[in-house]
Amino acid sequence: MNTPLGVSKIDIMQIDLPEHAAPAAERAAAEPSGQRIPLDMLGEIAVEVEIQLGTARLTVKELMALQAGSLLTLDQHLLQDVDVLLNERVVARGEVVAVGDRFGVRIKELGAA
């Protein structure tokens, strides 16, 4: 390949950006590899779930005025079900319960959207 004077050859490489990549399960399904991962191996993968109790909307002025002892009122009602999130997606809904001296969530609905 001929290049113009003063221009060196440029190698172009493909890079994958994680925020634009398809989820691993979709990539695995789309790319036949001849090897299958046994489902029982997936059971050992640790995941972290989050419970969303509610949100509050503040002005910047109100935010800057917060101090120790300030009270934020959430939009969620006390007995309203909470969202259970995995990777920022709602995967279930449930009710907040006491488990000894800790909070817990009793799952009431799976696959919530």
PDB file of N, CA and C in Angstrom:
ATOM      1  N   MET A   1       0.847  -1.181   0.000  1.00  0.00           N
ATOM      2  CA  MET A   1       0.000   0.000   0.000  1.00  0.00           C
ATOM      3  C   MET A   1       0.889   1.239   0.000  1.00  0.00           C
ATOM      4  N   ASN A   2       0.614   2.163  -0.883  1.00  0.00           N
ATOM      5  CA  ASN A   2       1.393   3.401  -0.966  1.00  0.00           C
ATOM      6  C   ASN A   2       0.804   4.439  -0.034  1.00  0.00           C
ATOM      7  N   THR A   3       1.690   5.155   0.658  1.00  0.00           N
ATOM      8  CA  THR A   3       1.238   6.231   1.541  1.00  0.00           C
ATOM      9  C   THR A   3       1.814   7.535   1.034  1.00  0.00           C
ATOM     10  N   PRO A   4       1.097   8.649   1.214  1.00  0.00           N
ATOM     11  CA  PRO A   4       1.620   9.953   0.788  1.00  0.00           C
ATOM     12  C   PRO A   4       2.916  10.280   1.520  1.00  0.00           C
ATOM     13  N   LEU A   5       3.725  11.133   0.928  1.00  0.00           N
ATOM     14  CA  LEU A   5       4.985  11.535   1.552  1.00  0.00           C
ATOM     15  C   LEU A   5       4.737  12.149   2.920  1.00  0.00           C
ATOM     16  N   GLY A   6       5.553  11.792   3.862  1.00  0.00           N
ATOM     17  CA  GLY A   6       5.448  12.354   5.203  1.00  0.00           C
ATOM     18  C   GLY A   6       4.391  11.687   6.074  1.00  0.00           C
ATOM     19  N   VAL A   7       3.680  10.703   5.540  1.00  0.00           N
ATOM     20  CA  VAL A   7       2.652  10.013   6.322  1.00  0.00           C
ATOM     21  C   VAL A   7       3.109   8.582   6.530  1.00  0.00           C
ATOM     22  N   SER A   8       3.187   8.172   7.764  1.00  0.00           N
ATOM     23  CA  SER A   8       3.592   6.800   8.046  1.00  0.00           C
ATOM     24  C   SER A   8       2.362   5.901   8.052  1.00  0.00           C
ATOM     25  N   LYS A   9       2.613   4.637   8.005  1.00  0.00           N
ATOM     26  CA  LYS A   9       1.531   3.659   8.000  1.00  0.00           C
ATOM     27  C   LYS A   9       0.818   3.693   9.353  1.00  0.00           C
ATOM     28  N   ILE A  10      -0.501   3.612   9.319  1.00  0.00           N
ATOM     29  CA  ILE A  10      -1.300   3.641  10.544  1.00  0.00           C
ATOM     30  C   ILE A  10      -1.947   2.284  10.735  1.00  0.00           C
ATOM     31  N   ASP A  11      -1.725   1.694  11.884  1.00  0.00           N
ATOM     32  CA  ASP A  11      -2.400   0.444  12.231  1.00  0.00           C
ATOM     33  C   ASP A  11      -3.665   0.786  12.991  1.00  0.00           C
ATOM     34  N   ILE A  12      -4.774   0.214  12.572  1.00  0.00           N
ATOM     35  CA  ILE A  12      -6.049   0.451  13.241  1.00  0.00           C
ATOM     36  C   ILE A  12      -6.448  -0.821  13.965  1.00  0.00           C
ATOM     37  N   MET A  13      -6.746  -0.674  15.245  1.00  0.00           N
ATOM     38  CA  MET A  13      -7.164  -1.823  16.052  1.00  0.00           C
ATOM     39  C   MET A  13      -8.558  -1.563  16.588  1.00  0.00           C
ATOM     40  N   GLN A  14      -9.339  -2.632  16.686  1.00  0.00           N
ATOM     41  CA  GLN A  14     -10.672  -2.513  17.274  1.00  0.00           C
ATOM     42  C   GLN A  14     -10.538  -2.581  18.785  1.00  0.00           C
ATOM     43  N   ILE A  15     -11.254  -1.700  19.479  1.00  0.00           N
ATOM     44  CA  ILE A  15     -11.294  -1.768  20.933  1.00  0.00           C
ATOM     45  C   ILE A  15     -12.747  -1.895  21.359  1.00  0.00           C
ATOM     46  N   ASP A  16     -12.965  -2.624  22.423  1.00  0.00           N
ATOM     47  CA  ASP A  16     -14.308  -2.795  22.959  1.00  0.00           C
ATOM     48  C   ASP A  16     -14.471  -1.899  24.166  1.00  0.00           C
ATOM     49  N   LEU A  17     -15.481  -1.057  24.150  1.00  0.00           N
ATOM     50  CA  LEU A  17     -15.772  -0.193  25.281  1.00  0.00           C
ATOM     51  C   LEU A  17     -16.843  -0.855  26.124  1.00  0.00           C
ATOM     52  N   PRO A  18     -16.576  -1.140  27.407  1.00  0.00           N
ATOM     53  CA  PRO A  18     -17.524  -1.861  28.248  1.00  0.00           C
ATOM     54  C   PRO A  18     -18.903  -1.224  28.310  1.00  0.00           C
ATOM     55  N   GLU A  19     -18.995   0.108  28.333  1.00  0.00           N
ATOM     56  CA  GLU A  19     -20.298   0.742  28.458  1.00  0.00           C
ATOM     57  C   GLU A  19     -21.136   0.594  27.197  1.00  0.00           C
ATOM     58  N   HIS A  20     -20.513   0.200  26.072  1.00  0.00           N
ATOM     59  CA  HIS A  20     -21.252   0.020  24.830  1.00  0.00           C
ATOM     60  C   HIS A  20     -21.358  -1.453  24.441  1.00  0.00           C
ATOM     61  N   ALA A  21     -20.727  -2.310  25.189  1.00  0.00           N
ATOM     62  CA  ALA A  21     -20.737  -3.730  24.852  1.00  0.00           C
ATOM     63  C   ALA A  21     -22.039  -4.374  25.298  1.00  0.00           C
ATOM     64  N   ALA A  22     -22.444  -5.394  24.582  1.00  0.00           N
ATOM     65  CA  ALA A  22     -23.634  -6.156  24.974  1.00  0.00           C
ATOM     66  C   ALA A  22     -23.316  -6.912  26.256  1.00  0.00           C
ATOM     67  N   PRO A  23     -24.314  -7.180  27.085  1.00  0.00           N
ATOM     68  CA  PRO A  23     -24.076  -7.970  28.290  1.00  0.00           C
ATOM     69  C   PRO A  23     -23.431  -9.309  27.940  1.00  0.00           C
ATOM     70  N   ALA A  24     -22.660  -9.852  28.868  1.00  0.00           N
ATOM     71  CA  ALA A  24     -21.902 -11.080  28.629  1.00  0.00           C
ATOM     72  C   ALA A  24     -22.785 -12.219  28.154  1.00  0.00           C
ATOM     73  N   ALA A  25     -23.975 -12.355  28.713  1.00  0.00           N
ATOM     74  CA  ALA A  25     -24.864 -13.447  28.317  1.00  0.00           C
ATOM     75  C   ALA A  25     -25.258 -13.319  26.850  1.00  0.00           C
ATOM     76  N   GLU A  26     -25.512 -12.084  26.388  1.00  0.00           N
ATOM     77  CA  GLU A  26     -25.865 -11.869  24.985  1.00  0.00           C
ATOM     78  C   GLU A  26     -24.678 -12.180  24.081  1.00  0.00           C
ATOM     79  N   ARG A  27     -23.475 -11.754  24.485  1.00  0.00           N
ATOM     80  CA  ARG A  27     -22.290 -12.026  23.671  1.00  0.00           C
ATOM     81  C   ARG A  27     -22.035 -13.516  23.582  1.00  0.00           C
ATOM     82  N   ALA A  28     -22.187 -14.222  24.694  1.00  0.00           N
ATOM     83  CA  ALA A  28     -21.946 -15.659  24.706  1.00  0.00           C
ATOM     84  C   ALA A  28     -22.939 -16.374  23.800  1.00  0.00           C
ATOM     85  N   ALA A  29     -24.189 -15.928  23.804  1.00  0.00           N
ATOM     86  CA  ALA A  29     -25.211 -16.559  22.969  1.00  0.00           C
ATOM     87  C   ALA A  29     -24.957 -16.272  21.494  1.00  0.00           C
ATOM     88  N   ALA A  30     -24.418 -15.094  21.187  1.00  0.00           N
ATOM     89  CA  ALA A  30     -24.207 -14.697  19.801  1.00  0.00           C
ATOM     90  C   ALA A  30     -22.950 -15.313  19.202  1.00  0.00           C
ATOM     91  N   GLU A  31     -21.997 -15.705  20.026  1.00  0.00           N
ATOM     92  CA  GLU A  31     -20.723 -16.223  19.546  1.00  0.00           C
ATOM     93  C   GLU A  31     -20.588 -17.694  19.918  1.00  0.00           C
ATOM     94  N   PRO A  32     -20.881 -18.608  18.993  1.00  0.00           N
ATOM     95  CA  PRO A  32     -20.718 -20.017  19.324  1.00  0.00           C
ATOM     96  C   PRO A  32     -19.241 -20.327  19.546  1.00  0.00           C
ATOM     97  N   SER A  33     -18.914 -20.890  20.673  1.00  0.00           N
ATOM     98  CA  SER A  33     -17.513 -21.150  20.997  1.00  0.00           C
ATOM     99  C   SER A  33     -17.191 -22.630  21.039  1.00  0.00           C
ATOM    100  N   GLY A  34     -18.197 -23.473  20.985  1.00  0.00           N
ATOM    101  CA  GLY A  34     -17.942 -24.901  21.083  1.00  0.00           C
ATOM    102  C   GLY A  34     -17.819 -25.362  22.516  1.00  0.00           C
ATOM    103  N   GLN A  35     -17.645 -24.432  23.452  1.00  0.00           N
ATOM    104  CA  GLN A  35     -17.561 -24.781  24.862  1.00  0.00           C
ATOM    105  C   GLN A  35     -18.745 -24.181  25.584  1.00  0.00           C
ATOM    106  N   ARG A  36     -19.317 -24.948  26.477  1.00  0.00           N
ATOM    107  CA  ARG A  36     -20.438 -24.451  27.270  1.00  0.00           C
ATOM    108  C   ARG A  36     -20.012 -24.383  28.726  1.00  0.00           C
ATOM    109  N   ILE A  37     -20.463 -23.344  29.374  1.00  0.00           N
ATOM    110  CA  ILE A  37     -20.182 -23.200  30.799  1.00  0.00           C
ATOM    111  C   ILE A  37     -21.302 -23.904  31.549  1.00  0.00           C
ATOM    112  N   PRO A  38     -20.963 -24.867  32.398  1.00  0.00           N
ATOM    113  CA  PRO A  38     -22.006 -25.548  33.171  1.00  0.00           C
ATOM    114  C   PRO A  38     -22.747 -24.554  34.065  1.00  0.00           C
ATOM    115  N   LEU A  39     -24.073 -24.660  34.084  1.00  0.00           N
ATOM    116  CA  LEU A  39     -24.880 -23.731  34.873  1.00  0.00           C
ATOM    117  C   LEU A  39     -24.534 -23.777  36.352  1.00  0.00           C
ATOM    118  N   ASP A  40     -24.121 -24.945  36.862  1.00  0.00           N
ATOM    119  CA  ASP A  40     -23.796 -25.012  38.287  1.00  0.00           C
ATOM    120  C   ASP A  40     -22.581 -24.153  38.629  1.00  0.00           C
ATOM    121  N   MET A  41     -21.720 -23.864  37.656  1.00  0.00           N
ATOM    122  CA  MET A  41     -20.581 -22.972  37.905  1.00  0.00           C
ATOM    123  C   MET A  41     -21.056 -21.538  38.099  1.00  0.00           C
ATOM    124  N   LEU A  42     -22.111 -21.143  37.404  1.00  0.00           N
ATOM    125  CA  LEU A  42     -22.625 -19.785  37.543  1.00  0.00           C
ATOM    126  C   LEU A  42     -23.166 -19.539  38.941  1.00  0.00           C
ATOM    127  N   GLY A  43     -23.606 -20.588  39.594  1.00  0.00           N
ATOM    128  CA  GLY A  43     -24.155 -20.454  40.941  1.00  0.00           C
ATOM    129  C   GLY A  43     -23.148 -19.964  41.966  1.00  0.00           C
ATOM    130  N   GLU A  44     -21.882 -20.031  41.667  1.00  0.00           N
ATOM    131  CA  GLU A  44     -20.837 -19.601  42.599  1.00  0.00           C
ATOM    132  C   GLU A  44     -20.424 -18.145  42.397  1.00  0.00           C
ATOM    133  N   ILE A  45     -20.968 -17.490  41.385  1.00  0.00           N
ATOM    134  CA  ILE A  45     -20.608 -16.096  41.115  1.00  0.00           C
ATOM    135  C   ILE A  45     -21.338 -15.191  42.100  1.00  0.00           C
ATOM    136  N   ALA A  46     -20.592 -14.343  42.787  1.00  0.00           N
ATOM    137  CA  ALA A  46     -21.180 -13.414  43.762  1.00  0.00           C
ATOM    138  C   ALA A  46     -21.717 -12.183  43.036  1.00  0.00           C
ATOM    139  N   VAL A  47     -22.906 -11.764  43.412  1.00  0.00           N
ATOM    140  CA  VAL A  47     -23.503 -10.543  42.874  1.00  0.00           C
ATOM    141  C   VAL A  47     -23.935  -9.677  44.044  1.00  0.00           C
ATOM    142  N   GLU A  48     -24.062  -8.394  43.806  1.00  0.00           N
ATOM    143  CA  GLU A  48     -24.489  -7.474  44.853  1.00  0.00           C
ATOM    144  C   GLU A  48     -25.810  -6.849  44.450  1.00  0.00           C
ATOM    145  N   VAL A  49     -26.784  -6.957  45.334  1.00  0.00           N
ATOM    146  CA  VAL A  49     -28.085  -6.347  45.070  1.00  0.00           C
ATOM    147  C   VAL A  49     -28.223  -5.100  45.930  1.00  0.00           C
ATOM    148  N   GLU A  50     -29.019  -4.162  45.454  1.00  0.00           N
ATOM    149  CA  GLU A  50     -29.290  -2.932  46.195  1.00  0.00           C
ATOM    150  C   GLU A  50     -30.784  -2.842  46.438  1.00  0.00           C
ATOM    151  N   ILE A  51     -31.139  -2.244  47.547  1.00  0.00           N
ATOM    152  CA  ILE A  51     -32.532  -2.000  47.877  1.00  0.00           C
ATOM    153  C   ILE A  51     -32.746  -0.493  47.819  1.00  0.00           C
ATOM    154  N   GLN A  52     -33.695  -0.064  47.019  1.00  0.00           N
ATOM    155  CA  GLN A  52     -33.970   1.367  46.889  1.00  0.00           C
ATOM    156  C   GLN A  52     -35.158   1.718  47.774  1.00  0.00           C
ATOM    157  N   LEU A  53     -34.868   2.443  48.848  1.00  0.00           N
ATOM    158  CA  LEU A  53     -35.911   2.835  49.795  1.00  0.00           C
ATOM    159  C   LEU A  53     -36.734   4.006  49.292  1.00  0.00           C
ATOM    160  N   GLY A  54     -36.184   4.830  48.444  1.00  0.00           N
ATOM    161  CA  GLY A  54     -36.901   5.992  47.932  1.00  0.00           C
ATOM    162  C   GLY A  54     -35.933   7.060  47.499  1.00  0.00           C
ATOM    163  N   THR A  55     -36.490   8.172  47.047  1.00  0.00           N
ATOM    164  CA  THR A  55     -35.661   9.287  46.600  1.00  0.00           C
ATOM    165  C   THR A  55     -36.207  10.585  47.191  1.00  0.00           C
ATOM    166  N   ALA A  56     -35.397  11.598  47.159  1.00  0.00           N
ATOM    167  CA  ALA A  56     -35.804  12.932  47.608  1.00  0.00           C
ATOM    168  C   ALA A  56     -35.287  13.938  46.588  1.00  0.00           C
ATOM    169  N   ARG A  57     -36.061  14.946  46.330  1.00  0.00           N
ATOM    170  CA  ARG A  57     -35.652  15.994  45.388  1.00  0.00           C
ATOM    171  C   ARG A  57     -35.371  17.267  46.185  1.00  0.00           C
ATOM    172  N   LEU A  58     -34.142  17.793  46.012  1.00  0.00           N
ATOM    173  CA  LEU A  58     -33.705  18.982  46.740  1.00  0.00           C
ATOM    174  C   LEU A  58     -33.188  20.026  45.768  1.00  0.00           C
ATOM    175  N   THR A  59     -33.252  21.267  46.184  1.00  0.00           N
ATOM    176  CA  THR A  59     -32.559  22.319  45.445  1.00  0.00           C
ATOM    177  C   THR A  59     -31.100  22.291  45.887  1.00  0.00           C
ATOM    178  N   VAL A  60     -30.243  22.915  45.123  1.00  0.00           N
ATOM    179  CA  VAL A  60     -28.832  22.990  45.510  1.00  0.00           C
ATOM    180  C   VAL A  60     -28.703  23.714  46.845  1.00  0.00           C
ATOM    181  N   LYS A  61     -29.503  24.743  47.043  1.00  0.00           N
ATOM    182  CA  LYS A  61     -29.471  25.494  48.305  1.00  0.00           C
ATOM    183  C   LYS A  61     -29.814  24.574  49.479  1.00  0.00           C
ATOM    184  N   GLU A  62     -30.856  23.752  49.317  1.00  0.00           N
ATOM    185  CA  GLU A  62     -31.240  22.815  50.381  1.00  0.00           C
ATOM    186  C   GLU A  62     -30.150  21.775  50.612  1.00  0.00           C
ATOM    187  N   LEU A  63     -29.545  21.309  49.532  1.00  0.00           N
ATOM    188  CA  LEU A  63     -28.466  20.329  49.635  1.00  0.00           C
ATOM    189  C   LEU A  63     -27.279  20.896  50.403  1.00  0.00           C
ATOM    190  N   MET A  64     -26.926  22.138  50.105  1.00  0.00           N
ATOM    191  CA  MET A  64     -25.789  22.771  50.770  1.00  0.00           C
ATOM    192  C   MET A  64     -26.079  23.071  52.235  1.00  0.00           C
ATOM    193  N   ALA A  65     -27.350  23.166  52.601  1.00  0.00           N
ATOM    194  CA  ALA A  65     -27.719  23.459  53.987  1.00  0.00           C
ATOM    195  C   ALA A  65     -27.761  22.206  54.859  1.00  0.00           C
ATOM    196  N   LEU A  66     -27.617  21.019  54.259  1.00  0.00           N
ATOM    197  CA  LEU A  66     -27.663  19.784  55.047  1.00  0.00           C
ATOM    198  C   LEU A  66     -26.514  19.735  56.040  1.00  0.00           C
ATOM    199  N   GLN A  67     -26.800  19.214  57.202  1.00  0.00           N
ATOM    200  CA  GLN A  67     -25.781  19.030  58.229  1.00  0.00           C
ATOM    201  C   GLN A  67     -26.165  17.817  59.060  1.00  0.00           C
ATOM    202  N   ALA A  68     -25.293  17.410  59.939  1.00  0.00           N
ATOM    203  CA  ALA A  68     -25.593  16.278  60.815  1.00  0.00           C
ATOM    204  C   ALA A  68     -26.891  16.564  61.557  1.00  0.00           C
ATOM    205  N   GLY A  69     -27.806  15.621  61.528  1.00  0.00           N
ATOM    206  CA  GLY A  69     -29.091  15.797  62.183  1.00  0.00           C
ATOM    207  C   GLY A  69     -30.199  16.248  61.246  1.00  0.00           C
ATOM    208  N   SER A  70     -29.840  16.665  60.019  1.00  0.00           N
ATOM    209  CA  SER A  70     -30.864  17.053  59.044  1.00  0.00           C
ATOM    210  C   SER A  70     -31.712  15.833  58.702  1.00  0.00           C
ATOM    211  N   LEU A  71     -32.964  16.068  58.372  1.00  0.00           N
ATOM    212  CA  LEU A  71     -33.891  14.986  58.045  1.00  0.00           C
ATOM    213  C   LEU A  71     -34.317  15.106  56.590  1.00  0.00           C
ATOM    214  N   LEU A  72     -34.107  14.041  55.818  1.00  0.00           N
ATOM    215  CA  LEU A  72     -34.552  13.990  54.430  1.00  0.00           C
ATOM    216  C   LEU A  72     -35.806  13.129  54.373  1.00  0.00           C
ATOM    217  N   THR A  73     -36.875  13.655  53.816  1.00  0.00           N
ATOM    218  CA  THR A  73     -38.104  12.890  53.656  1.00  0.00           C
ATOM    219  C   THR A  73     -38.109  12.289  52.256  1.00  0.00           C
ATOM    220  N   LEU A  74     -38.250  10.975  52.187  1.00  0.00           N
ATOM    221  CA  LEU A  74     -38.248  10.275  50.910  1.00  0.00           C
ATOM    222  C   LEU A  74     -39.648  10.233  50.323  1.00  0.00           C
ATOM    223  N   ASP A  75     -39.717   9.989  49.012  1.00  0.00           N
ATOM    224  CA  ASP A  75     -41.008   9.911  48.335  1.00  0.00           C
ATOM    225  C   ASP A  75     -41.733   8.591  48.605  1.00  0.00           C
ATOM    226  N   GLN A  76     -41.049   7.633  49.149  1.00  0.00           N
ATOM    227  CA  GLN A  76     -41.610   6.301  49.418  1.00  0.00           C
ATOM    228  C   GLN A  76     -42.414   6.324  50.714  1.00  0.00           C
ATOM    229  N   HIS A  77     -43.606   5.750  50.695  1.00  0.00           N
ATOM    230  CA  HIS A  77     -44.408   5.649  51.909  1.00  0.00           C
ATOM    231  C   HIS A  77     -43.863   4.532  52.794  1.00  0.00           C
ATOM    232  N   LEU A  78     -44.105   4.628  54.075  1.00  0.00           N
ATOM    233  CA  LEU A  78     -43.531   3.714  55.055  1.00  0.00           C
ATOM    234  C   LEU A  78     -43.824   2.249  54.755  1.00  0.00           C
ATOM    235  N   LEU A  79     -45.033   1.897  54.372  1.00  0.00           N
ATOM    236  CA  LEU A  79     -45.401   0.502  54.146  1.00  0.00           C
ATOM    237  C   LEU A  79     -45.394   0.111  52.670  1.00  0.00           C
ATOM    238  N   GLN A  80     -44.913   0.994  51.809  1.00  0.00           N
ATOM    239  CA  GLN A  80     -44.870   0.719  50.368  1.00  0.00           C
ATOM    240  C   GLN A  80     -43.729  -0.244  50.055  1.00  0.00           C
ATOM    241  N   ASP A  81     -43.948  -1.150  49.088  1.00  0.00           N
ATOM    242  CA  ASP A  81     -42.901  -2.086  48.683  1.00  0.00           C
ATOM    243  C   ASP A  81     -41.688  -1.336  48.140  1.00  0.00           C
ATOM    244  N   VAL A  82     -40.519  -1.936  48.322  1.00  0.00           N
ATOM    245  CA  VAL A  82     -39.267  -1.342  47.855  1.00  0.00           C
ATOM    246  C   VAL A  82     -38.761  -2.109  46.639  1.00  0.00           C
ATOM    247  N   ASP A  83     -37.928  -1.459  45.840  1.00  0.00           N
ATOM    248  CA  ASP A  83     -37.339  -2.085  44.660  1.00  0.00           C
ATOM    249  C   ASP A  83     -36.047  -2.791  45.039  1.00  0.00           C
ATOM    250  N   VAL A  84     -35.845  -3.981  44.477  1.00  0.00           N
ATOM    251  CA  VAL A  84     -34.603  -4.737  44.614  1.00  0.00           C
ATOM    252  C   VAL A  84     -33.899  -4.627  43.266  1.00  0.00           C
ATOM    253  N   LEU A  85     -32.687  -4.068  43.275  1.00  0.00           N
ATOM    254  CA  LEU A  85     -31.974  -3.809  42.025  1.00  0.00           C
ATOM    255  C   LEU A  85     -30.727  -4.668  41.892  1.00  0.00           C
ATOM    256  N   LEU A  86     -30.465  -5.086  40.673  1.00  0.00           N
ATOM    257  CA  LEU A  86     -29.237  -5.786  40.311  1.00  0.00           C
ATOM    258  C   LEU A  86     -28.700  -5.064  39.084  1.00  0.00           C
ATOM    259  N   ASN A  87     -27.484  -4.542  39.179  1.00  0.00           N
ATOM    260  CA  ASN A  87     -26.909  -3.745  38.084  1.00  0.00           C
ATOM    261  C   ASN A  87     -27.842  -2.611  37.676  1.00  0.00           C
ATOM    262  N   GLU A  88     -28.375  -1.923  38.658  1.00  0.00           N
ATOM    263  CA  GLU A  88     -29.235  -0.750  38.468  1.00  0.00           C
ATOM    264  C   GLU A  88     -30.549  -1.061  37.757  1.00  0.00           C
ATOM    265  N   ARG A  89     -30.930  -2.340  37.709  1.00  0.00           N
ATOM    266  CA  ARG A  89     -32.203  -2.748  37.106  1.00  0.00           C
ATOM    267  C   ARG A  89     -33.060  -3.408  38.173  1.00  0.00           C
ATOM    268  N   VAL A  90     -34.339  -3.073  38.170  1.00  0.00           N
ATOM    269  CA  VAL A  90     -35.261  -3.667  39.140  1.00  0.00           C
ATOM    270  C   VAL A  90     -35.484  -5.127  38.762  1.00  0.00           C
ATOM    271  N   VAL A  91     -35.188  -6.036  39.703  1.00  0.00           N
ATOM    272  CA  VAL A  91     -35.377  -7.466  39.463  1.00  0.00           C
ATOM    273  C   VAL A  91     -36.439  -8.056  40.374  1.00  0.00           C
ATOM    274  N   ALA A  92     -36.838  -7.306  41.401  1.00  0.00           N
ATOM    275  CA  ALA A  92     -37.854  -7.793  42.334  1.00  0.00           C
ATOM    276  C   ALA A  92     -38.394  -6.623  43.140  1.00  0.00           C
ATOM    277  N   ARG A  93     -39.484  -6.900  43.853  1.00  0.00           N
ATOM    278  CA  ARG A  93     -40.056  -5.923  44.784  1.00  0.00           C
ATOM    279  C   ARG A  93     -40.356  -6.675  46.071  1.00  0.00           C
ATOM    280  N   GLY A  94     -40.287  -5.949  47.182  1.00  0.00           N
ATOM    281  CA  GLY A  94     -40.549  -6.605  48.453  1.00  0.00           C
ATOM    282  C   GLY A  94     -40.828  -5.612  49.552  1.00  0.00           C
ATOM    283  N   GLU A  95     -41.070  -6.166  50.732  1.00  0.00           N
ATOM    284  CA  GLU A  95     -41.369  -5.322  51.889  1.00  0.00           C
ATOM    285  C   GLU A  95     -40.205  -5.354  52.867  1.00  0.00           C
ATOM    286  N   VAL A  96     -39.934  -4.204  53.469  1.00  0.00           N
ATOM    287  CA  VAL A  96     -38.862  -4.098  54.456  1.00  0.00           C
ATOM    288  C   VAL A  96     -39.327  -4.772  55.740  1.00  0.00           C
ATOM    289  N   VAL A  97     -38.457  -5.625  56.294  1.00  0.00           N
ATOM    290  CA  VAL A  97     -38.758  -6.336  57.536  1.00  0.00           C
ATOM    291  C   VAL A  97     -37.549  -6.235  58.460  1.00  0.00           C
ATOM    292  N   ALA A  98     -37.779  -6.517  59.733  1.00  0.00           N
ATOM    293  CA  ALA A  98     -36.682  -6.583  60.702  1.00  0.00           C
ATOM    294  C   ALA A  98     -36.221  -8.031  60.786  1.00  0.00           C
ATOM    295  N   VAL A  99     -34.911  -8.233  60.704  1.00  0.00           N
ATOM    296  CA  VAL A  99     -34.309  -9.557  60.859  1.00  0.00           C
ATOM    297  C   VAL A  99     -33.314  -9.419  62.005  1.00  0.00           C
ATOM    298  N   GLY A 100     -33.778  -9.709  63.218  1.00  0.00           N
ATOM    299  CA  GLY A 100     -32.953  -9.447  64.393  1.00  0.00           C
ATOM    300  C   GLY A 100     -32.738  -7.952  64.515  1.00  0.00           C
ATOM    301  N   ASP A 101     -31.468  -7.537  64.543  1.00  0.00           N
ATOM    302  CA  ASP A 101     -31.169  -6.104  64.643  1.00  0.00           C
ATOM    303  C   ASP A 101     -30.776  -5.512  63.286  1.00  0.00           C
ATOM    304  N   ARG A 102     -31.188  -6.173  62.203  1.00  0.00           N
ATOM    305  CA  ARG A 102     -30.862  -5.710  60.847  1.00  0.00           C
ATOM    306  C   ARG A 102     -32.135  -5.569  60.015  1.00  0.00           C
ATOM    307  N   PHE A 103     -31.999  -4.858  58.914  1.00  0.00           N
ATOM    308  CA  PHE A 103     -33.091  -4.764  57.948  1.00  0.00           C
ATOM    309  C   PHE A 103     -33.020  -5.958  57.012  1.00  0.00           C
ATOM    310  N   GLY A 104     -34.149  -6.344  56.485  1.00  0.00           N
ATOM    311  CA  GLY A 104     -34.231  -7.369  55.456  1.00  0.00           C
ATOM    312  C   GLY A 104     -35.342  -6.989  54.498  1.00  0.00           C
ATOM    313  N   VAL A 105     -35.460  -7.725  53.420  1.00  0.00           N
ATOM    314  CA  VAL A 105     -36.540  -7.507  52.459  1.00  0.00           C
ATOM    315  C   VAL A 105     -37.176  -8.851  52.158  1.00  0.00           C
ATOM    316  N   ARG A 106     -38.476  -8.944  52.407  1.00  0.00           N
ATOM    317  CA  ARG A 106     -39.238 -10.143  52.052  1.00  0.00           C
ATOM    318  C   ARG A 106     -39.700  -9.957  50.613  1.00  0.00           C
ATOM    319  N   ILE A 107     -39.234 -10.824  49.718  1.00  0.00           N
ATOM    320  CA  ILE A 107     -39.560 -10.716  48.298  1.00  0.00           C
ATOM    321  C   ILE A 107     -41.031 -11.051  48.086  1.00  0.00           C
ATOM    322  N   LYS A 108     -41.734 -10.144  47.410  1.00  0.00           N
ATOM    323  CA  LYS A 108     -43.152 -10.343  47.122  1.00  0.00           C
ATOM    324  C   LYS A 108     -43.404 -10.559  45.636  1.00  0.00           C
ATOM    325  N   GLU A 109     -42.496 -10.047  44.805  1.00  0.00           N
ATOM    326  CA  GLU A 109     -42.689 -10.127  43.357  1.00  0.00           C
ATOM    327  C   GLU A 109     -41.328 -10.218  42.679  1.00  0.00           C
ATOM    328  N   LEU A 110     -41.127 -11.228  41.843  1.00  0.00           N
ATOM    329  CA  LEU A 110     -39.892 -11.366  41.071  1.00  0.00           C
ATOM    330  C   LEU A 110     -40.116 -10.866  39.658  1.00  0.00           C
ATOM    331  N   GLY A 111     -39.055 -10.403  39.035  1.00  0.00           N
ATOM    332  CA  GLY A 111     -39.148  -9.939  37.663  1.00  0.00           C
ATOM    333  C   GLY A 111     -39.895  -8.633  37.528  1.00  0.00           C
ATOM    334  N   ALA A 112     -39.914  -7.836  38.575  1.00  0.00           N
ATOM    335  CA  ALA A 112     -40.618  -6.549  38.540  1.00  0.00           C
ATOM    336  C   ALA A 112     -39.944  -5.621  37.550  1.00  0.00           C
ATOM    337  N   ALA A 113     -40.726  -4.742  36.967  1.00  0.00           N
ATOM    338  CA  ALA A 113     -40.143  -3.786  36.011  1.00  0.00           C
ATOM    339  C   ALA A 113     -40.365  -2.372  36.467  1.00  0.00           C
TER     340      ALA A 113
END
